[in-house]
C-alpha atoms as a PDB file:
ATOM      1  CA  UNK A   1     120.798 -24.222 -95.112  1.00  0.00           C
ATOM      2  CA  UNK A   2     120.428 -20.932 -93.336  1.00  0.00           C
ATOM      3  CA  UNK A   3     123.914 -19.830 -94.583  1.00  0.00           C
ATOM      4  CA  UNK A   4     123.190 -20.916 -97.921  1.00  0.00           C
ATOM      5  CA  UNK A   5     120.042 -18.569 -98.026  1.00  0.00           C
ATOM      6  CA  UNK A   6     121.897 -16.085 -96.794  1.00  0.00           C
ATOM      7  CA  UNK A   7     125.151 -15.536 -98.787  1.00  0.00           C
ATOM      8  CA  UNK A   8     124.541 -17.346-101.314  1.00  0.00           C
ATOM      9  CA  UNK A   9     120.752 -16.666-102.732  1.00  0.00           C
ATOM     10  CA  UNK A  10     120.581 -13.178-100.880  1.00  0.00           C
ATOM     11  CA  UNK A  11     117.908 -14.554 -98.889  1.00  0.00           C
ATOM     12  CA  UNK A  12     116.071 -11.934 -96.151  1.00  0.00           C
ATOM     13  CA  UNK A  13     115.383 -12.862 -92.987  1.00  0.00           C
ATOM     14  CA  UNK A  14     113.587  -9.351 -91.862  1.00  0.00           C
ATOM     15  CA  UNK A  15     110.012  -9.685 -91.071  1.00  0.00           C
ATOM     16  CA  UNK A  16     110.360 -13.272 -90.914  1.00  0.00           C
ATOM     17  CA  UNK A  17     108.503 -14.978 -89.824  1.00  0.00           C
ATOM     18  CA  UNK A  18     105.447 -14.178 -91.818  1.00  0.00           C
ATOM     19  CA  UNK A  19     101.879 -13.943 -90.391  1.00  0.00           C
ATOM     20  CA  UNK A  20      99.399 -15.897 -92.371  1.00  0.00           C
ATOM     21  CA  UNK A  21      97.226 -17.925 -91.211  1.00  0.00           C
ATOM     22  CA  UNK A  22      94.460 -18.111 -93.927  1.00  0.00           C
ATOM     23  CA  UNK A  23      94.488 -20.015 -97.205  1.00  0.00           C
ATOM     24  CA  UNK A  24      93.970 -16.795 -99.645  1.00  0.00           C
ATOM     25  CA  UNK A  25      96.055 -14.627 -97.893  1.00  0.00           C
ATOM     26  CA  UNK A  26      99.071 -17.951 -97.989  1.00  0.00           C
ATOM     27  CA  UNK A  27      99.058 -18.384-101.832  1.00  0.00           C
ATOM     28  CA  UNK A  28      99.225 -14.738-102.353  1.00  0.00           C
ATOM     29  CA  UNK A  29     102.218 -13.956-100.528  1.00  0.00           C
ATOM     30  CA  UNK A  30     103.855 -16.858-102.874  1.00  0.00           C
ATOM     31  CA  UNK A  31     102.345 -15.608-105.859  1.00  0.00           C
ATOM     32  CA  UNK A  32     103.928 -12.099-104.871  1.00  0.00           C
ATOM     33  CA  UNK A  33     107.186 -13.840-105.017  1.00  0.00           C
ATOM     34  CA  UNK A  34     106.196 -15.858-108.121  1.00  0.00           C
ATOM     35  CA  UNK A  35     104.672 -13.011-110.527  1.00  0.00           C
ATOM     36  CA  UNK A  36     105.049 -15.168-113.738  1.00  0.00           C
ATOM     37  CA  UNK A  37     103.150 -18.392-112.029  1.00  0.00           C
ATOM     38  CA  UNK A  38      99.438 -18.775-112.915  1.00  0.00           C
ATOM     39  CA  UNK A  39      96.639 -19.033-110.390  1.00  0.00           C
ATOM     40  CA  UNK A  40      96.760 -23.104-110.196  1.00  0.00           C
ATOM     41  CA  UNK A  41     100.528 -23.624-110.344  1.00  0.00           C
ATOM     42  CA  UNK A  42     100.683 -21.351-106.865  1.00  0.00           C
ATOM     43  CA  UNK A  43      98.779 -23.986-104.975  1.00  0.00           C
ATOM     44  CA  UNK A  44      99.892 -27.405-106.900  1.00  0.00           C
ATOM     45  CA  UNK A  45     103.652 -25.532-106.410  1.00  0.00           C
ATOM     46  CA  UNK A  46     103.082 -25.222-103.029  1.00  0.00           C
ATOM     47  CA  UNK A  47     102.102 -28.981-102.430  1.00  0.00           C
ATOM     48  CA  UNK A  48     105.220 -29.813-104.278  1.00  0.00           C
ATOM     49  CA  UNK A  49     107.631 -28.099-101.639  1.00  0.00           C
ATOM     50  CA  UNK A  50     105.663 -28.753 -99.014  1.00  0.00           C
ATOM     51  CA  UNK A  51     105.786 -32.965-100.119  1.00  0.00           C
ATOM     52  CA  UNK A  52     109.955 -32.881 -99.851  1.00  0.00           C
ATOM     53  CA  UNK A  53     111.283 -36.173 -98.981  1.00  0.00           C
ATOM     54  CA  UNK A  54     112.255 -35.403 -95.257  1.00  0.00           C
ATOM     55  CA  UNK A  55     111.922 -36.779 -92.239  1.00  0.00           C
ATOM     56  CA  UNK A  56     108.178 -37.821 -91.342  1.00  0.00           C
ATOM     57  CA  UNK A  57     108.711 -36.885 -87.601  1.00  0.00           C
ATOM     58  CA  UNK A  58     110.313 -33.233 -88.624  1.00  0.00           C
ATOM     59  CA  UNK A  59     107.839 -33.291 -91.430  1.00  0.00           C
ATOM     60  CA  UNK A  60     104.426 -33.170 -88.434  1.00  0.00           C
ATOM     61  CA  UNK A  61     106.926 -31.057 -86.556  1.00  0.00           C
ATOM     62  CA  UNK A  62     106.911 -28.239 -89.182  1.00  0.00           C
ATOM     63  CA  UNK A  63     103.541 -28.703 -89.584  1.00  0.00           C
ATOM     64  CA  UNK A  64     102.288 -28.594 -86.009  1.00  0.00           C
ATOM     65  CA  UNK A  65     102.839 -24.715 -86.503  1.00  0.00           C
ATOM     66  CA  UNK A  66     100.882 -24.272 -89.283  1.00  0.00           C
ATOM     67  CA  UNK A  67      97.730 -22.422 -88.829  1.00  0.00           C
ATOM     68  CA  UNK A  68      94.975 -25.020 -89.177  1.00  0.00           C
ATOM     69  CA  UNK A  69      93.202 -23.869 -92.688  1.00  0.00           C
ATOM     70  CA  UNK A  70      97.168 -24.532 -94.174  1.00  0.00           C
ATOM     71  CA  UNK A  71      97.298 -27.979 -92.953  1.00  0.00           C
ATOM     72  CA  UNK A  72      95.815 -28.805 -96.148  1.00  0.00           C
ATOM     73  CA  UNK A  73      99.077 -28.699 -97.684  1.00  0.00           C
ATOM     74  CA  UNK A  74     100.757 -31.423 -96.308  1.00  0.00           C
ATOM     75  CA  UNK A  75     100.140 -34.736 -97.130  1.00  0.00           C
ATOM     76  CA  UNK A  76      97.337 -36.256 -95.595  1.00  0.00           C
ATOM     77  CA  UNK A  77      99.322 -38.781 -93.300  1.00  0.00           C
ATOM     78  CA  UNK A  78     101.480 -35.778 -91.820  1.00  0.00           C
ATOM     79  CA  UNK A  79      97.823 -33.865 -91.476  1.00  0.00           C
ATOM     80  CA  UNK A  80      96.635 -36.856 -89.248  1.00  0.00           C
ATOM     81  CA  UNK A  81      99.865 -37.403 -87.374  1.00  0.00           C
ATOM     82  CA  UNK A  82      99.771 -33.458 -85.972  1.00  0.00           C
ATOM     83  CA  UNK A  83      95.856 -33.641 -85.583  1.00  0.00           C
ATOM     84  CA  UNK A  84      96.882 -36.673 -82.960  1.00  0.00           C
ATOM     85  CA  UNK A  85      99.622 -34.384 -81.593  1.00  0.00           C
ATOM     86  CA  UNK A  86      97.337 -31.043 -80.971  1.00  0.00           C
ATOM     87  CA  UNK A  87      94.542 -33.538 -79.425  1.00  0.00           C
ATOM     88  CA  UNK A  88      96.745 -35.489 -76.930  1.00  0.00           C
ATOM     89  CA  UNK A  89      96.558 -38.698 -78.709  1.00  0.00           C
ATOM     90  CA  UNK A  90     100.203 -40.640 -78.575  1.00  0.00           C
ATOM     91  CA  UNK A  91     101.596 -40.068 -82.544  1.00  0.00           C
ATOM     92  CA  UNK A  92     101.901 -43.430 -84.679  1.00  0.00           C
ATOM     93  CA  UNK A  93     105.081 -44.602 -86.314  1.00  0.00           C
ATOM     94  CA  UNK A  94     105.957 -42.504 -89.511  1.00  0.00           C
END
């Protein structure tokens, strides 16, 4: 995926990761990359991207690095698993 992004899609890792920690900043950053998107489309699109069909354990590992305010974009069961891990609980089966 990394090679594809770098060589075929022109992804530039300079300045990554970004430091958005709040919902408005996060959505504004995404909207800047999608200039023709309407206001509601940015949030719906963000939720759709984070709802990709990936291994549930991997999704939790990725989501756990998100600031609390941005967890709302993940599916409810992933949010619950992340909160459980953050509180030291044993994660349930995904």
